[in-house]
Structure formats: C-alpha cells, structure tokens
Amino acid sequence: MTRTSLLILAALVLVLAALPLVGGPYALRIGTFASMYAILAVSWNVIGGMAGYPSFATAAFFGFGAYAGGVLLAAGAGLFTAVAAAGAMAFLGAVLLGAILLRLRGHYFAIASLAVAEVLRELTNAATDLTGGGMGLNIPLSSVVTSVEGEARFFFFAMWVLLVVTLVVVVAVERSKLGFGLRCIRQNESAADMIGVHATLYKSLAFALSGIFVAMAGVLYAGWVHYIEPPDVFDILYSVKPIVMALLGGLGSTLGAVIGAFLFLGIEELVWRNLLQIHTGVLGLLIVVLLLFLPKGITSFADTGFWKRLRQKEGRRD
C-alpha cells in the first residue's frame, strides 16, 4: 500500500469518527453500520483478496461471535471480556477449521465455507438451554452507559475503534512476509510451495484473520441491539455483502474494501429509504451495473489520470 493510499485511508477513518459531531442518532446508527461493514469487508479481503480463496464463512464468524459474546454478556461478563473471548475462540476455531477446509480449492472451498454458517445456525437452534434456540437471546443493557443516546455513542466508538485495530493489523499483514506469501498463493499456489511458502499455514492464518475481527464485531452488534436470533446473525447476506463491498472498492486492496463498504452502505440506505417495497431488487441491480462498469473497483481510478501522476511525483520524491 502506497503512502497516498494510507493517507486516504486515514482521512476516511477520521471523517467517520467525526459523524457524531454533525448528526444525531441517525448519524450514529449509520456510522456504526459503516464501521461494521468496513470490518467485514477488510477481514474478508485477507482470505478472498490477498489469498484468492472465495470464502463464504463471514456469516459463520459473525454469528458465532454474536452468540458467544451474547451468552457471556447474559451471564454477567463485561463487554470487553466478551469481545476478547469471542475473538480468541474464533481465531483458534478458524485456524483448526481452515487447516481442513483450505485443502479444497475454488467452488469446492466456497461451498464448504458456506456450509459452516448453516451448521452453526442449526447447532444454535438446538442448544436451547444456552442460546435460547429459535426464540432468540436477550442481552442485558450495558452497565457502561446510562442513557439511550450515550449507549448509541458508546457502541459507535467501540465499533470505530475495532475498525481502526482491524486496519492496523491488516495493513501490517499486507506489508509482512505473510502478506507476500498470500499474494504468492493467489498467483500460483504450487509455485509458492516450491519457493518455500508454507501454503497450509499461511492460508489457515489468513482464514483466522478473516474471522477474528468479524466475530468481535458480532459481539458489539449483539450488545448494541440487545436481542439476537439465528436467522439474523447467521444471515447469508453477511457472507455476500463483504464480497460485493470488496469488489466495488477493488479486490485485494484494503483501501478499496473500506471505500466499497462505505459506498455499499450509502447505496443500500438510499435505496431502502426511497424504494422500500422493491429495495432488494433495485439494490442488486445497481450493484450489478457498478460491477459491470467498474470491474476492478473504485480504486482502479488510482492507476489513471490524476492519481497516477500523484503517485509518480511521490515516487520521485522518495
């Protein structure tokens, strides 16, 4: 990632943090969802963009985090304890699961990863004593805040901080040996093995990184809405949306994933508010049109025109 891309990314995140200053409850809601969507897109981009494995397991991680954290919160645990515990469990589970699933490739891996969410959904429905089953799980109000507006503000900044942590980790991975290895795997996995890249280990770590922050976001979401049920948090759309966001912004680009998440949320909100009855169909059509005209995503503009000249000047200064 270039210095220019990092500056743009930092500017976007800082602008997002300023939302509470320019709006009321609606701005807080939009900002919380924008942060959450960006976490999902950036996390998916690690396994789907860097490594080139089409994962549909995002809904599984999100739902697992929501219920793992929700159960802990209902038992009286603190929010940050629940977030850390759910993240740790998701990371360990993803490493072990990834070592098995990532032996598959292409559409075989995609189908297998999609099945994980359905398995977890059925297990959640069956564990009625722990999760409430199909009746859902009620989560108590946070003791950290005492007002509705204060709680909305608290969860906005909690989700925003998690986004910042996610970006710092992913950008560090992108610039590390792990990131280089993942890009090698995406280009040619057999050749990557030949030059000493431990493909199974690298892919498992990428799969785990694509899940840990999503699970943490699931905990914050559960604490924010106070009630969760399997069809909500294990919704297949949580697996599809991050892929669309990454494609809209630019596959393999962390900056692109964030831009794609913000763009997707803006389109989704605009269509939902004005075309409530047919918003799903219109939203899908708009996304298809955008992908047809921008097959490489919004960040493909960085390779032409003004941004290209800007990068050339930056290269000469360095």
C-alpha atoms as a PDB file:
ATOM      1  CA  MET A   1       0.000   0.000   0.000  1.00  0.00           C
ATOM      2  CA  THR A   2       1.402   3.384  -1.025  1.00  0.00           C
ATOM      3  CA  ARG A   3       1.728   6.401   1.237  1.00  0.00           C
ATOM      4  CA  THR A   4      -1.063   8.123  -0.692  1.00  0.00           C
ATOM      5  CA  SER A   5      -3.404   5.180  -0.090  1.00  0.00           C
ATOM      6  CA  LEU A   6      -2.568   5.207   3.621  1.00  0.00           C
ATOM      7  CA  LEU A   7      -3.309   8.927   3.844  1.00  0.00           C
ATOM      8  CA  ILE A   8      -6.644   8.486   2.069  1.00  0.00           C
ATOM      9  CA  LEU A   9      -7.497   5.571   4.366  1.00  0.00           C
ATOM     10  CA  ALA A  10      -6.620   7.581   7.475  1.00  0.00           C
ATOM     11  CA  ALA A  11      -8.703  10.518   6.220  1.00  0.00           C
ATOM     12  CA  LEU A  12     -11.744   8.296   5.636  1.00  0.00           C
ATOM     13  CA  VAL A  13     -11.485   6.802   9.121  1.00  0.00           C
ATOM     14  CA  LEU A  14     -11.123  10.241  10.736  1.00  0.00           C
ATOM     15  CA  VAL A  15     -14.112  11.597   8.798  1.00  0.00           C
ATOM     16  CA  LEU A  16     -16.123   8.611  10.024  1.00  0.00           C
ATOM     17  CA  ALA A  17     -15.134   9.412  13.616  1.00  0.00           C
ATOM     18  CA  ALA A  18     -16.490  12.947  13.193  1.00  0.00           C
ATOM     19  CA  LEU A  19     -20.022  11.785  12.337  1.00  0.00           C
ATOM     20  CA  PRO A  20     -21.393  12.256  15.893  1.00  0.00           C
ATOM     21  CA  LEU A  21     -20.386  15.917  15.695  1.00  0.00           C
ATOM     22  CA  VAL A  22     -22.535  16.632  12.634  1.00  0.00           C
ATOM     23  CA  GLY A  23     -25.592  14.486  13.269  1.00  0.00           C
ATOM     24  CA  GLY A  24     -27.828  12.954  15.880  1.00  0.00           C
ATOM     25  CA  PRO A  25     -28.982   9.361  16.471  1.00  0.00           C
ATOM     26  CA  TYR A  26     -29.295   8.648  12.736  1.00  0.00           C
ATOM     27  CA  ALA A  27     -25.678   9.634  12.116  1.00  0.00           C
ATOM     28  CA  LEU A  28     -24.583   7.385  14.987  1.00  0.00           C
ATOM     29  CA  ARG A  29     -26.530   4.464  13.515  1.00  0.00           C
ATOM     30  CA  ILE A  30     -25.067   4.995  10.037  1.00  0.00           C
ATOM     31  CA  GLY A  31     -21.567   5.390  11.487  1.00  0.00           C
ATOM     32  CA  THR A  32     -21.873   2.173  13.488  1.00  0.00           C
ATOM     33  CA  PHE A  33     -23.021   0.208  10.452  1.00  0.00           C
ATOM     34  CA  ALA A  34     -20.327   1.827   8.276  1.00  0.00           C
ATOM     35  CA  SER A  35     -17.644   0.722  10.748  1.00  0.00           C
ATOM     36  CA  MET A  36     -19.116  -2.764  10.980  1.00  0.00           C
ATOM     37  CA  TYR A  37     -19.404  -3.176   7.205  1.00  0.00           C
ATOM     38  CA  ALA A  38     -15.823  -1.978   6.758  1.00  0.00           C
ATOM     39  CA  ILE A  39     -14.610  -4.532   9.334  1.00  0.00           C
ATOM     40  CA  LEU A  40     -16.415  -7.311   7.469  1.00  0.00           C
ATOM     41  CA  ALA A  41     -15.070  -6.214   4.059  1.00  0.00           C
ATOM     42  CA  VAL A  42     -11.462  -5.678   5.199  1.00  0.00           C
ATOM     43  CA  SER A  43     -11.470  -9.008   7.048  1.00  0.00           C
ATOM     44  CA  TRP A  44     -12.850 -10.906   4.054  1.00  0.00           C
ATOM     45  CA  ASN A  45     -10.273  -9.243   1.822  1.00  0.00           C
ATOM     46  CA  VAL A  46      -7.487 -11.050   3.696  1.00  0.00           C
ATOM     47  CA  ILE A  47      -8.638 -14.504   2.592  1.00  0.00           C
ATOM     48  CA  GLY A  48     -10.565 -13.545  -0.545  1.00  0.00           C
ATOM     49  CA  GLY A  49      -8.425 -10.720  -1.916  1.00  0.00           C
ATOM     50  CA  MET A  50      -4.898 -11.460  -0.702  1.00  0.00           C
ATOM     51  CA  ALA A  51      -5.034 -15.267  -0.818  1.00  0.00           C
ATOM     52  CA  GLY A  52      -7.628 -15.574  -3.581  1.00  0.00           C
ATOM     53  CA  TYR A  53      -9.890 -18.044  -1.752  1.00  0.00           C
ATOM     54  CA  PRO A  54     -13.620 -17.249  -2.191  1.00  0.00           C
ATOM     55  CA  SER A  55     -14.765 -17.600   1.417  1.00  0.00           C
ATOM     56  CA  PHE A  56     -18.451 -17.505   2.365  1.00  0.00           C
ATOM     57  CA  ALA A  57     -17.740 -18.036   6.063  1.00  0.00           C
ATOM     58  CA  THR A  58     -18.171 -14.409   7.175  1.00  0.00           C
ATOM     59  CA  ALA A  59     -21.735 -15.074   8.374  1.00  0.00           C
ATOM     60  CA  ALA A  60     -20.443 -18.033  10.396  1.00  0.00           C
ATOM     61  CA  PHE A  61     -17.842 -15.886  12.173  1.00  0.00           C
ATOM     62  CA  PHE A  62     -20.282 -13.026  12.721  1.00  0.00           C
ATOM     63  CA  GLY A  63     -22.997 -15.281  14.123  1.00  0.00           C
ATOM     64  CA  PHE A  64     -20.548 -17.231  16.262  1.00  0.00           C
ATOM     65  CA  GLY A  65     -19.178 -14.019  17.737  1.00  0.00           C
ATOM     66  CA  ALA A  66     -22.646 -12.623  18.362  1.00  0.00           C
ATOM     67  CA  TYR A  67     -23.792 -15.727  20.232  1.00  0.00           C
ATOM     68  CA  ALA A  68     -20.518 -16.437  22.043  1.00  0.00           C
ATOM     69  CA  GLY A  69     -20.386 -12.854  23.257  1.00  0.00           C
ATOM     70  CA  GLY A  70     -24.132 -12.710  23.832  1.00  0.00           C
ATOM     71  CA  VAL A  71     -24.072 -15.752  26.103  1.00  0.00           C
ATOM     72  CA  LEU A  72     -21.185 -14.268  28.082  1.00  0.00           C
ATOM     73  CA  LEU A  73     -22.929 -10.895  28.363  1.00  0.00           C
ATOM     74  CA  ALA A  74     -26.156 -12.578  29.510  1.00  0.00           C
ATOM     75  CA  ALA A  75     -24.130 -14.444  32.150  1.00  0.00           C
ATOM     76  CA  GLY A  76     -22.834 -11.141  33.524  1.00  0.00           C
ATOM     77  CA  ALA A  77     -19.451 -10.831  31.803  1.00  0.00           C
ATOM     78  CA  GLY A  78     -18.149  -7.403  30.818  1.00  0.00           C
ATOM     79  CA  LEU A  79     -18.418  -6.264  27.203  1.00  0.00           C
ATOM     80  CA  PHE A  80     -14.674  -6.109  26.548  1.00  0.00           C
ATOM     81  CA  THR A  81     -14.172  -9.521  28.188  1.00  0.00           C
ATOM     82  CA  ALA A  82     -16.850 -10.948  25.879  1.00  0.00           C
ATOM     83  CA  VAL A  83     -15.258  -9.298  22.824  1.00  0.00           C
ATOM     84  CA  ALA A  84     -11.791 -10.660  23.650  1.00  0.00           C
ATOM     85  CA  ALA A  85     -13.094 -14.156  24.458  1.00  0.00           C
ATOM     86  CA  ALA A  86     -15.177 -14.398  21.274  1.00  0.00           C
ATOM     87  CA  GLY A  87     -12.237 -13.179  19.175  1.00  0.00           C
ATOM     88  CA  ALA A  88      -9.868 -15.717  20.731  1.00  0.00           C
ATOM     89  CA  MET A  89     -12.335 -18.593  20.227  1.00  0.00           C
ATOM     90  CA  ALA A  90     -12.998 -17.537  16.633  1.00  0.00           C
ATOM     91  CA  PHE A  91      -9.269 -17.330  15.869  1.00  0.00           C
ATOM     92  CA  LEU A  92      -8.486 -20.776  17.284  1.00  0.00           C
ATOM     93  CA  GLY A  93     -11.545 -22.353  15.678  1.00  0.00           C
ATOM     94  CA  ALA A  94     -10.744 -20.779  12.309  1.00  0.00           C
ATOM     95  CA  VAL A  95      -7.127 -21.990  12.377  1.00  0.00           C
ATOM     96  CA  LEU A  96      -8.264 -25.562  13.016  1.00  0.00           C
ATOM     97  CA  LEU A  97     -11.159 -25.386  10.564  1.00  0.00           C
ATOM     98  CA  GLY A  98      -9.040 -23.670   7.940  1.00  0.00           C
ATOM     99  CA  ALA A  99      -6.428 -26.425   8.063  1.00  0.00           C
ATOM    100  CA  ILE A 100      -9.204 -28.768   6.859  1.00  0.00           C
ATOM    101  CA  LEU A 101     -11.335 -26.619   4.557  1.00  0.00           C
ATOM    102  CA  LEU A 102      -8.436 -24.883   2.821  1.00  0.00           C
ATOM    103  CA  ARG A 103      -7.285 -28.155   1.323  1.00  0.00           C
ATOM    104  CA  LEU A 104     -10.224 -27.567  -1.029  1.00  0.00           C
ATOM    105  CA  ARG A 105      -9.999 -25.019  -3.826  1.00  0.00           C
ATOM    106  CA  GLY A 106     -12.291 -22.908  -5.968  1.00  0.00           C
ATOM    107  CA  HIS A 107     -16.004 -23.550  -5.758  1.00  0.00           C
ATOM    108  CA  TYR A 108     -15.451 -26.600  -3.546  1.00  0.00           C
ATOM    109  CA  PHE A 109     -13.991 -24.367  -0.837  1.00  0.00           C
ATOM    110  CA  ALA A 110     -16.735 -21.769  -1.378  1.00  0.00           C
ATOM    111  CA  ILE A 111     -19.484 -24.354  -0.850  1.00  0.00           C
ATOM    112  CA  ALA A 112     -17.755 -25.849   2.182  1.00  0.00           C
ATOM    113  CA  SER A 113     -17.269 -22.433   3.810  1.00  0.00           C
ATOM    114  CA  LEU A 114     -20.915 -21.585   3.130  1.00  0.00           C
ATOM    115  CA  ALA A 115     -21.978 -24.774   4.910  1.00  0.00           C
ATOM    116  CA  VAL A 116     -20.181 -23.710   8.106  1.00  0.00           C
ATOM    117  CA  ALA A 117     -22.728 -20.963   8.792  1.00  0.00           C
ATOM    118  CA  GLU A 118     -25.632 -23.367   8.266  1.00  0.00           C
ATOM    119  CA  VAL A 119     -24.090 -25.921  10.631  1.00  0.00           C
ATOM    120  CA  LEU A 120     -23.571 -23.286  13.318  1.00  0.00           C
ATOM    121  CA  ARG A 121     -27.109 -21.997  12.797  1.00  0.00           C
ATOM    122  CA  GLU A 122     -28.543 -25.489  13.385  1.00  0.00           C
ATOM    123  CA  LEU A 123     -26.352 -26.021  16.442  1.00  0.00           C
ATOM    124  CA  THR A 124     -27.509 -22.679  17.834  1.00  0.00           C
ATOM    125  CA  ASN A 125     -31.145 -23.616  17.249  1.00  0.00           C
ATOM    126  CA  ALA A 126     -30.602 -26.947  19.004  1.00  0.00           C
ATOM    127  CA  ALA A 127     -28.809 -25.550  22.084  1.00  0.00           C
ATOM    128  CA  THR A 128     -31.955 -24.006  23.552  1.00  0.00           C
ATOM    129  CA  ASP A 129     -30.722 -24.028  27.155  1.00  0.00           C
ATOM    130  CA  LEU A 130     -27.650 -21.989  26.252  1.00  0.00           C
ATOM    131  CA  THR A 131     -28.683 -19.833  23.297  1.00  0.00           C
ATOM    132  CA  GLY A 132     -32.461 -19.727  23.541  1.00  0.00           C
ATOM    133  CA  GLY A 133     -32.748 -21.634  20.268  1.00  0.00           C
ATOM    134  CA  GLY A 134     -35.243 -20.261  17.779  1.00  0.00           C
ATOM    135  CA  MET A 135     -36.678 -17.935  20.449  1.00  0.00           C
ATOM    136  CA  GLY A 136     -33.503 -15.871  20.333  1.00  0.00           C
ATOM    137  CA  LEU A 137     -31.304 -14.497  23.080  1.00  0.00           C
ATOM    138  CA  ASN A 138     -31.978 -11.372  25.118  1.00  0.00           C
ATOM    139  CA  ILE A 139     -28.871  -9.419  26.069  1.00  0.00           C
ATOM    140  CA  PRO A 140     -28.956  -7.051  29.067  1.00  0.00           C
ATOM    141  CA  LEU A 141     -28.301  -3.345  28.748  1.00  0.00           C
ATOM    142  CA  SER A 142     -24.706  -2.309  29.131  1.00  0.00           C
ATOM    143  CA  SER A 143     -23.779  -1.009  32.569  1.00  0.00           C
ATOM    144  CA  VAL A 144     -21.177   1.299  30.999  1.00  0.00           C
ATOM    145  CA  VAL A 145     -23.758   3.878  29.904  1.00  0.00           C
ATOM    146  CA  THR A 146     -26.973   5.188  31.423  1.00  0.00           C
ATOM    147  CA  SER A 147     -28.867   6.808  28.514  1.00  0.00           C
ATOM    148  CA  VAL A 148     -30.085   5.745  25.081  1.00  0.00           C
ATOM    149  CA  GLU A 149     -28.006   8.388  23.280  1.00  0.00           C
ATOM    150  CA  GLY A 150     -24.994   7.605  25.438  1.00  0.00           C
ATOM    151  CA  GLU A 151     -25.285   3.931  24.601  1.00  0.00           C
ATOM    152  CA  ALA A 152     -25.561   4.655  20.857  1.00  0.00           C
ATOM    153  CA  ARG A 153     -22.476   6.866  21.066  1.00  0.00           C
ATOM    154  CA  PHE A 154     -20.584   4.245  23.080  1.00  0.00           C
ATOM    155  CA  PHE A 155     -21.226   1.432  20.584  1.00  0.00           C
ATOM    156  CA  PHE A 156     -20.392   3.705  17.661  1.00  0.00           C
ATOM    157  CA  PHE A 157     -16.961   4.483  19.087  1.00  0.00           C
ATOM    158  CA  ALA A 158     -16.455   0.848  20.172  1.00  0.00           C
ATOM    159  CA  MET A 159     -17.111  -0.324  16.598  1.00  0.00           C
ATOM    160  CA  TRP A 160     -14.940   2.501  15.223  1.00  0.00           C
ATOM    161  CA  VAL A 161     -12.021   1.541  17.484  1.00  0.00           C
ATOM    162  CA  LEU A 162     -12.387  -2.084  16.372  1.00  0.00           C
ATOM    163  CA  LEU A 163     -12.239  -0.884  12.753  1.00  0.00           C
ATOM    164  CA  VAL A 164      -9.013   1.008  13.468  1.00  0.00           C
ATOM    165  CA  VAL A 165      -7.478  -2.070  15.119  1.00  0.00           C
ATOM    166  CA  THR A 166      -8.572  -4.214  12.168  1.00  0.00           C
ATOM    167  CA  LEU A 167      -6.998  -1.814   9.673  1.00  0.00           C
ATOM    168  CA  VAL A 168      -3.718  -1.573  11.606  1.00  0.00           C
ATOM    169  CA  VAL A 169      -3.413  -5.372  11.769  1.00  0.00           C
ATOM    170  CA  VAL A 170      -4.408  -5.970   8.142  1.00  0.00           C
ATOM    171  CA  VAL A 171      -2.101  -3.260   6.773  1.00  0.00           C
ATOM    172  CA  ALA A 172       0.740  -4.736   8.851  1.00  0.00           C
ATOM    173  CA  VAL A 173      -0.055  -8.193   7.454  1.00  0.00           C
ATOM    174  CA  GLU A 174      -0.204  -6.793   3.929  1.00  0.00           C
ATOM    175  CA  ARG A 175       3.366  -5.449   4.318  1.00  0.00           C
ATOM    176  CA  SER A 176       4.713  -8.554   6.083  1.00  0.00           C
ATOM    177  CA  LYS A 177       6.089 -11.882   4.952  1.00  0.00           C
ATOM    178  CA  LEU A 178       2.633 -13.349   5.496  1.00  0.00           C
ATOM    179  CA  GLY A 179       1.119 -10.859   3.064  1.00  0.00           C
ATOM    180  CA  PHE A 180       3.794 -11.629   0.483  1.00  0.00           C
ATOM    181  CA  GLY A 181       3.147 -15.342   0.903  1.00  0.00           C
ATOM    182  CA  LEU A 182      -0.606 -14.886   0.489  1.00  0.00           C
ATOM    183  CA  ARG A 183      -0.100 -12.950  -2.735  1.00  0.00           C
ATOM    184  CA  CYS A 184       2.148 -15.746  -3.986  1.00  0.00           C
ATOM    185  CA  ILE A 185      -0.567 -18.276  -3.151  1.00  0.00           C
ATOM    186  CA  ARG A 186      -3.122 -16.215  -5.064  1.00  0.00           C
ATOM    187  CA  GLN A 187      -0.891 -16.100  -8.135  1.00  0.00           C
ATOM    188  CA  ASN A 188       0.201 -19.744  -8.138  1.00  0.00           C
ATOM    189  CA  GLU A 189      -0.107 -21.924  -5.059  1.00  0.00           C
ATOM    190  CA  SER A 190       2.070 -24.719  -6.441  1.00  0.00           C
ATOM    191  CA  ALA A 191       4.858 -22.286  -7.283  1.00  0.00           C
ATOM    192  CA  ALA A 192       4.500 -20.712  -3.826  1.00  0.00           C
ATOM    193  CA  ASP A 193       5.120 -24.111  -2.243  1.00  0.00           C
ATOM    194  CA  MET A 194       8.227 -24.526  -4.365  1.00  0.00           C
ATOM    195  CA  ILE A 195       9.782 -21.254  -3.148  1.00  0.00           C
ATOM    196  CA  GLY A 196       9.281 -22.161   0.496  1.00  0.00           C
ATOM    197  CA  VAL A 197       5.872 -20.670   1.322  1.00  0.00           C
ATOM    198  CA  HIS A 198       4.064 -22.909   3.830  1.00  0.00           C
ATOM    199  CA  ALA A 199       0.747 -22.662   1.999  1.00  0.00           C
ATOM    200  CA  THR A 200      -1.395 -24.559   4.523  1.00  0.00           C
ATOM    201  CA  LEU A 201      -0.135 -22.487   7.466  1.00  0.00           C
ATOM    202  CA  TYR A 202      -0.413 -19.188   5.624  1.00  0.00           C
ATOM    203  CA  LYS A 203      -3.923 -19.924   4.398  1.00  0.00           C
ATOM    204  CA  SER A 204      -5.041 -21.018   7.876  1.00  0.00           C
ATOM    205  CA  LEU A 205      -3.686 -17.797   9.380  1.00  0.00           C
ATOM    206  CA  ALA A 206      -5.421 -15.756   6.680  1.00  0.00           C
ATOM    207  CA  PHE A 207      -8.689 -17.596   7.335  1.00  0.00           C
ATOM    208  CA  ALA A 208      -8.317 -16.935  11.068  1.00  0.00           C
ATOM    209  CA  LEU A 209      -7.578 -13.245  10.483  1.00  0.00           C
ATOM    210  CA  SER A 210     -10.669 -13.038   8.279  1.00  0.00           C
ATOM    211  CA  GLY A 211     -12.728 -14.301  11.220  1.00  0.00           C
ATOM    212  CA  ILE A 212     -11.354 -12.850  14.450  1.00  0.00           C
ATOM    213  CA  PHE A 213     -12.410  -9.228  13.900  1.00  0.00           C
ATOM    214  CA  VAL A 214     -15.721 -10.254  12.353  1.00  0.00           C
ATOM    215  CA  ALA A 215     -16.505 -12.265  15.498  1.00  0.00           C
ATOM    216  CA  MET A 216     -15.600  -9.268  17.667  1.00  0.00           C
ATOM    217  CA  ALA A 217     -17.897  -7.090  15.572  1.00  0.00           C
ATOM    218  CA  GLY A 218     -20.614  -9.679  16.133  1.00  0.00           C
ATOM    219  CA  VAL A 219     -20.254  -9.257  19.911  1.00  0.00           C
ATOM    220  CA  LEU A 220     -20.544  -5.471  19.636  1.00  0.00           C
ATOM    221  CA  TYR A 221     -23.565  -5.852  17.368  1.00  0.00           C
ATOM    222  CA  ALA A 222     -25.247  -8.177  19.874  1.00  0.00           C
ATOM    223  CA  GLY A 223     -24.596  -5.769  22.742  1.00  0.00           C
ATOM    224  CA  TRP A 224     -25.846  -2.877  20.627  1.00  0.00           C
ATOM    225  CA  VAL A 225     -29.198  -4.390  19.553  1.00  0.00           C
ATOM    226  CA  HIS A 226     -29.820  -6.342  22.827  1.00  0.00           C
ATOM    227  CA  TYR A 227     -31.589  -9.217  21.061  1.00  0.00           C
ATOM    228  CA  ILE A 228     -30.290 -11.731  18.531  1.00  0.00           C
ATOM    229  CA  GLU A 229     -31.705 -14.787  16.809  1.00  0.00           C
ATOM    230  CA  PRO A 230     -30.117 -17.328  14.421  1.00  0.00           C
ATOM    231  CA  PRO A 231     -31.773 -16.096  11.177  1.00  0.00           C
ATOM    232  CA  ASP A 232     -30.486 -12.583  11.923  1.00  0.00           C
ATOM    233  CA  VAL A 233     -26.827 -13.090  12.803  1.00  0.00           C
ATOM    234  CA  PHE A 234     -26.248 -16.151  10.582  1.00  0.00           C
ATOM    235  CA  ASP A 235     -27.891 -14.450   7.598  1.00  0.00           C
ATOM    236  CA  ILE A 236     -26.239 -15.432   4.301  1.00  0.00           C
ATOM    237  CA  LEU A 237     -26.151 -11.744   3.380  1.00  0.00           C
ATOM    238  CA  TYR A 238     -23.349 -11.293   5.921  1.00  0.00           C
ATOM    239  CA  SER A 239     -21.311 -13.580   3.679  1.00  0.00           C
ATOM    240  CA  VAL A 240     -22.360 -11.989   0.389  1.00  0.00           C
ATOM    241  CA  LYS A 241     -22.161  -8.293   1.313  1.00  0.00           C
ATOM    242  CA  PRO A 242     -18.416  -8.232   2.201  1.00  0.00           C
ATOM    243  CA  ILE A 243     -17.612  -9.840  -1.155  1.00  0.00           C
ATOM    244  CA  VAL A 244     -19.651  -7.227  -3.010  1.00  0.00           C
ATOM    245  CA  MET A 245     -18.026  -4.442  -0.985  1.00  0.00           C
ATOM    246  CA  ALA A 246     -14.528  -5.699  -1.770  1.00  0.00           C
ATOM    247  CA  LEU A 247     -15.384  -5.997  -5.463  1.00  0.00           C
ATOM    248  CA  LEU A 248     -16.886  -2.498  -5.537  1.00  0.00           C
ATOM    249  CA  GLY A 249     -13.801  -0.984  -3.953  1.00  0.00           C
ATOM    250  CA  GLY A 250     -11.157  -3.119  -5.614  1.00  0.00           C
ATOM    251  CA  LEU A 251     -10.322  -6.747  -4.907  1.00  0.00           C
ATOM    252  CA  GLY A 252      -7.163  -7.206  -2.858  1.00  0.00           C
ATOM    253  CA  SER A 253      -6.999  -3.565  -1.725  1.00  0.00           C
ATOM    254  CA  THR A 254      -7.536  -2.648   1.938  1.00  0.00           C
ATOM    255  CA  LEU A 255      -8.394   0.911   0.948  1.00  0.00           C
ATOM    256  CA  GLY A 256     -10.741  -0.454  -1.689  1.00  0.00           C
ATOM    257  CA  ALA A 257     -12.523  -2.639   0.874  1.00  0.00           C
ATOM    258  CA  VAL A 258     -13.206   0.384   3.094  1.00  0.00           C
ATOM    259  CA  ILE A 259     -14.377   2.538   0.175  1.00  0.00           C
ATOM    260  CA  GLY A 260     -16.533  -0.310  -1.088  1.00  0.00           C
ATOM    261  CA  ALA A 261     -18.114  -0.757   2.358  1.00  0.00           C
ATOM    262  CA  PHE A 262     -18.982   2.946   2.630  1.00  0.00           C
ATOM    263  CA  LEU A 263     -20.286   3.037  -0.946  1.00  0.00           C
ATOM    264  CA  PHE A 264     -22.387  -0.095  -0.449  1.00  0.00           C
ATOM    265  CA  LEU A 265     -23.929   1.259   2.759  1.00  0.00           C
ATOM    266  CA  GLY A 266     -24.720   4.571   1.057  1.00  0.00           C
ATOM    267  CA  ILE A 267     -26.440   2.839  -1.858  1.00  0.00           C
ATOM    268  CA  GLU A 268     -28.247   0.440   0.476  1.00  0.00           C
ATOM    269  CA  GLU A 269     -29.525   3.269   2.687  1.00  0.00           C
ATOM    270  CA  LEU A 270     -30.572   5.434  -0.253  1.00  0.00           C
ATOM    271  CA  VAL A 271     -32.473   2.630  -1.958  1.00  0.00           C
ATOM    272  CA  TRP A 272     -34.036   1.394   1.285  1.00  0.00           C
ATOM    273  CA  ARG A 273     -35.349   4.847   2.217  1.00  0.00           C
ATOM    274  CA  ASN A 274     -36.827   5.630  -1.208  1.00  0.00           C
ATOM    275  CA  LEU A 275     -37.838   2.223  -2.601  1.00  0.00           C
ATOM    276  CA  LEU A 276     -38.848   0.235   0.449  1.00  0.00           C
ATOM    277  CA  GLN A 277     -41.064  -2.296  -1.342  1.00  0.00           C
ATOM    278  CA  ILE A 278     -38.543  -3.270  -4.012  1.00  0.00           C
ATOM    279  CA  HIS A 279     -35.294  -2.148  -2.375  1.00  0.00           C
ATOM    280  CA  THR A 280     -33.629  -5.585  -2.506  1.00  0.00           C
ATOM    281  CA  GLY A 281     -34.114  -5.960  -6.262  1.00  0.00           C
ATOM    282  CA  VAL A 282     -33.083  -2.380  -7.048  1.00  0.00           C
ATOM    283  CA  LEU A 283     -30.030  -2.658  -4.803  1.00  0.00           C
ATOM    284  CA  GLY A 284     -28.949  -5.850  -6.570  1.00  0.00           C
ATOM    285  CA  LEU A 285     -29.428  -4.240  -9.999  1.00  0.00           C
ATOM    286  CA  LEU A 286     -27.385  -1.168  -9.056  1.00  0.00           C
ATOM    287  CA  ILE A 287     -24.553  -3.329  -7.738  1.00  0.00           C
ATOM    288  CA  VAL A 288     -24.509  -5.422 -10.937  1.00  0.00           C
ATOM    289  CA  VAL A 289     -24.338  -2.233 -13.047  1.00  0.00           C
ATOM    290  CA  LEU A 290     -21.491  -0.836 -10.934  1.00  0.00           C
ATOM    291  CA  LEU A 291     -19.536  -4.073 -11.182  1.00  0.00           C
ATOM    292  CA  LEU A 292     -20.050  -4.189 -14.956  1.00  0.00           C
ATOM    293  CA  PHE A 293     -18.738  -0.656 -15.473  1.00  0.00           C
ATOM    294  CA  LEU A 294     -16.070  -0.865 -12.750  1.00  0.00           C
ATOM    295  CA  PRO A 295     -14.841  -4.472 -12.944  1.00  0.00           C
ATOM    296  CA  LYS A 296     -11.672  -3.599 -10.998  1.00  0.00           C
ATOM    297  CA  GLY A 297     -13.441  -1.459  -8.425  1.00  0.00           C
ATOM    298  CA  ILE A 298     -13.347   2.205  -7.479  1.00  0.00           C
ATOM    299  CA  THR A 299      -9.635   2.120  -6.692  1.00  0.00           C
ATOM    300  CA  SER A 300      -8.885   1.244 -10.326  1.00  0.00           C
ATOM    301  CA  PHE A 301      -9.018   5.018 -10.879  1.00  0.00           C
ATOM    302  CA  ALA A 302      -5.780   5.206  -8.899  1.00  0.00           C
ATOM    303  CA  ASP A 303      -3.959   3.758 -11.893  1.00  0.00           C
ATOM    304  CA  THR A 304      -5.028   6.529 -14.250  1.00  0.00           C
ATOM    305  CA  GLY A 305      -5.213  10.259 -14.551  1.00  0.00           C
ATOM    306  CA  PHE A 306      -4.649  12.483 -11.549  1.00  0.00           C
ATOM    307  CA  TRP A 307      -3.845   9.752  -9.021  1.00  0.00           C
ATOM    308  CA  LYS A 308      -1.298   8.161 -11.341  1.00  0.00           C
ATOM    309  CA  ARG A 309       0.547  11.458 -11.723  1.00  0.00           C
ATOM    310  CA  LEU A 310       0.358  11.978  -7.960  1.00  0.00           C
ATOM    311  CA  ARG A 311       1.928   8.583  -7.333  1.00  0.00           C
ATOM    312  CA  GLN A 312       4.668   9.283  -9.910  1.00  0.00           C
ATOM    313  CA  LYS A 313       5.553  12.544  -8.137  1.00  0.00           C
ATOM    314  CA  GLU A 314       5.572  10.742  -4.801  1.00  0.00           C
ATOM    315  CA  GLY A 315       7.911   8.099  -6.230  1.00  0.00           C
ATOM    316  CA  ARG A 316      10.334  10.781  -7.446  1.00  0.00           C
ATOM    317  CA  ARG A 317      10.383  12.451  -4.024  1.00  0.00           C
ATOM    318  CA  ASP A 318      11.175   9.104  -2.351  1.00  0.00           C
END
